């Protein structure tokens, strides 16, 4: 099951190079 507020994907050119996004909860300055 996916983790809420987190997106992670490998680079299309290198499976060992990962890119990720962490989002804050709604209603916070980090959303």
PDB file of N, CA and C in Angstrom:
ATOM      1  N   UNK A   1       0.848  -1.173   0.000  1.00  0.00           N
ATOM      2  CA  UNK A   1       0.000   0.000   0.000  1.00  0.00           C
ATOM      3  C   UNK A   1       0.896   1.239   0.000  1.00  0.00           C
ATOM      4  N   UNK A   2       0.598   2.216  -0.867  1.00  0.00           N
ATOM      5  CA  UNK A   2       1.422   3.433  -0.932  1.00  0.00           C
ATOM      6  C   UNK A   2       1.379   4.232   0.373  1.00  0.00           C
ATOM      7  N   UNK A   3       2.451   4.924   0.649  1.00  0.00           N
ATOM      8  CA  UNK A   3       2.540   5.803   1.816  1.00  0.00           C
ATOM      9  C   UNK A   3       1.960   7.157   1.422  1.00  0.00           C
ATOM     10  N   UNK A   4       1.067   7.700   2.244  1.00  0.00           N
ATOM     11  CA  UNK A   4       0.475   8.994   1.907  1.00  0.00           C
ATOM     12  C   UNK A   4       1.514  10.107   2.006  1.00  0.00           C
ATOM     13  N   UNK A   5       1.396  11.068   1.127  1.00  0.00           N
ATOM     14  CA  UNK A   5       2.239  12.262   1.081  1.00  0.00           C
ATOM     15  C   UNK A   5       3.674  11.986   0.638  1.00  0.00           C
ATOM     16  N   UNK A   6       3.952  10.814   0.052  1.00  0.00           N
ATOM     17  CA  UNK A   6       5.302  10.495  -0.429  1.00  0.00           C
ATOM     18  C   UNK A   6       5.192   9.904  -1.829  1.00  0.00           C
ATOM     19  N   UNK A   7       5.998  10.435  -2.752  1.00  0.00           N
ATOM     20  CA  UNK A   7       6.102   9.887  -4.098  1.00  0.00           C
ATOM     21  C   UNK A   7       7.572   9.625  -4.364  1.00  0.00           C
ATOM     22  N   UNK A   8       7.894   8.432  -4.853  1.00  0.00           N
ATOM     23  CA  UNK A   8       9.287   8.084  -5.152  1.00  0.00           C
ATOM     24  C   UNK A   8       9.327   7.288  -6.448  1.00  0.00           C
ATOM     25  N   UNK A   9      10.292   7.637  -7.309  1.00  0.00           N
ATOM     26  CA  UNK A   9      10.456   6.937  -8.580  1.00  0.00           C
ATOM     27  C   UNK A   9      11.942   6.878  -8.927  1.00  0.00           C
ATOM     28  N   UNK A  10      12.365   5.783  -9.546  1.00  0.00           N
ATOM     29  CA  UNK A  10      13.757   5.719  -9.986  1.00  0.00           C
ATOM     30  C   UNK A  10      13.950   6.580 -11.231  1.00  0.00           C
ATOM     31  N   UNK A  11      15.170   7.011 -11.440  1.00  0.00           N
ATOM     32  CA  UNK A  11      15.521   7.748 -12.649  1.00  0.00           C
ATOM     33  C   UNK A  11      15.331   6.831 -13.852  1.00  0.00           C
ATOM     34  N   UNK A  12      14.856   7.349 -14.981  1.00  0.00           N
ATOM     35  CA  UNK A  12      14.695   6.497 -16.161  1.00  0.00           C
ATOM     36  C   UNK A  12      16.032   5.959 -16.693  1.00  0.00           C
ATOM     37  N   UNK A  13      17.138   6.622 -16.333  1.00  0.00           N
ATOM     38  CA  UNK A  13      18.448   6.219 -16.842  1.00  0.00           C
ATOM     39  C   UNK A  13      19.268   5.382 -15.873  1.00  0.00           C
ATOM     40  N   UNK A  14      18.873   5.358 -14.590  1.00  0.00           N
ATOM     41  CA  UNK A  14      19.681   4.659 -13.581  1.00  0.00           C
ATOM     42  C   UNK A  14      18.779   4.196 -12.443  1.00  0.00           C
ATOM     43  N   UNK A  15      18.580   2.898 -12.319  1.00  0.00           N
ATOM     44  CA  UNK A  15      17.683   2.340 -11.303  1.00  0.00           C
ATOM     45  C   UNK A  15      18.161   2.642  -9.886  1.00  0.00           C
ATOM     46  N   UNK A  16      19.434   2.961  -9.709  1.00  0.00           N
ATOM     47  CA  UNK A  16      19.968   3.255  -8.381  1.00  0.00           C
ATOM     48  C   UNK A  16      19.822   4.727  -7.989  1.00  0.00           C
ATOM     49  N   UNK A  17      19.403   5.580  -8.928  1.00  0.00           N
ATOM     50  CA  UNK A  17      19.216   7.015  -8.687  1.00  0.00           C
ATOM     51  C   UNK A  17      17.719   7.274  -8.528  1.00  0.00           C
ATOM     52  N   UNK A  18      17.296   7.581  -7.298  1.00  0.00           N
ATOM     53  CA  UNK A  18      15.877   7.772  -7.015  1.00  0.00           C
ATOM     54  C   UNK A  18      15.552   9.245  -6.794  1.00  0.00           C
ATOM     55  N   UNK A  19      14.351   9.625  -7.202  1.00  0.00           N
ATOM     56  CA  UNK A  19      13.827  10.978  -7.010  1.00  0.00           C
ATOM     57  C   UNK A  19      12.567  10.851  -6.163  1.00  0.00           C
ATOM     58  N   UNK A  20      12.387  11.776  -5.235  1.00  0.00           N
ATOM     59  CA  UNK A  20      11.237  11.675  -4.339  1.00  0.00           C
ATOM     60  C   UNK A  20      10.667  13.048  -4.028  1.00  0.00           C
ATOM     61  N   UNK A  21       9.405  13.047  -3.621  1.00  0.00           N
ATOM     62  CA  UNK A  21       8.706  14.262  -3.200  1.00  0.00           C
ATOM     63  C   UNK A  21       8.000  13.941  -1.891  1.00  0.00           C
ATOM     64  N   UNK A  22       8.217  14.779  -0.890  1.00  0.00           N
ATOM     65  CA  UNK A  22       7.520  14.663   0.392  1.00  0.00           C
ATOM     66  C   UNK A  22       6.576  15.853   0.502  1.00  0.00           C
ATOM     67  N   UNK A  23       5.307  15.596   0.716  1.00  0.00           N
ATOM     68  CA  UNK A  23       4.314  16.656   0.838  1.00  0.00           C
ATOM     69  C   UNK A  23       3.785  16.696   2.260  1.00  0.00           C
ATOM     70  N   UNK A  24       3.551  17.902   2.760  1.00  0.00           N
ATOM     71  CA  UNK A  24       2.987  18.044   4.100  1.00  0.00           C
ATOM     72  C   UNK A  24       1.493  17.768   4.101  1.00  0.00           C
ATOM     73  N   UNK A  25       0.947  17.610   5.266  1.00  0.00           N
ATOM     74  CA  UNK A  25      -0.493  17.377   5.411  1.00  0.00           C
ATOM     75  C   UNK A  25      -1.274  18.617   4.996  1.00  0.00           C
ATOM     76  N   UNK A  26      -2.498  18.407   4.536  1.00  0.00           N
ATOM     77  CA  UNK A  26      -3.338  19.536   4.136  1.00  0.00           C
ATOM     78  C   UNK A  26      -3.589  20.444   5.328  1.00  0.00           C
ATOM     79  N   UNK A  27      -3.664  21.741   5.059  1.00  0.00           N
ATOM     80  CA  UNK A  27      -3.889  22.710   6.121  1.00  0.00           C
ATOM     81  C   UNK A  27      -2.612  23.170   6.796  1.00  0.00           C
ATOM     82  N   UNK A  28      -1.456  22.731   6.286  1.00  0.00           N
ATOM     83  CA  UNK A  28      -0.171  23.174   6.826  1.00  0.00           C
ATOM     84  C   UNK A  28       0.554  23.988   5.762  1.00  0.00           C
ATOM     85  N   UNK A  29       1.537  24.785   6.138  1.00  0.00           N
ATOM     86  CA  UNK A  29       2.289  25.551   5.140  1.00  0.00           C
ATOM     87  C   UNK A  29       3.077  24.654   4.183  1.00  0.00           C
ATOM     88  N   UNK A  30       3.205  23.376   4.503  1.00  0.00           N
ATOM     89  CA  UNK A  30       4.015  22.476   3.689  1.00  0.00           C
ATOM     90  C   UNK A  30       3.189  21.650   2.707  1.00  0.00           C
ATOM     91  N   UNK A  31       1.884  21.892   2.655  1.00  0.00           N
ATOM     92  CA  UNK A  31       1.004  21.121   1.760  1.00  0.00           C
ATOM     93  C   UNK A  31       1.232  21.518   0.320  1.00  0.00           C
TER      94      UNK A  31
END
